[in-house]
Amino acid sequence: MSIRITCIKKSNGYHEDRHHAISELGWTNEQTNETGRSTRLEMYDTDGAPAHA
């Protein structure tokens, strides 16, 4: 499954690492055109699947 990140939502406040400021990501599944939103932690949980940037 290949997904494309289409948008990000950032939480308020100061964050030492700007990547931790991301709270949610919007995405599109490129094979099915399904769209959705997931938290940053849900996106990290890959169940062993490879990730590419």
Foldseek 3Di string as FASTA:
>chain_A
DDKDFDDWDFADDDDPDRVVRTFKTWIADPVPRDIDMDGPVVVVPPVPDDDDD
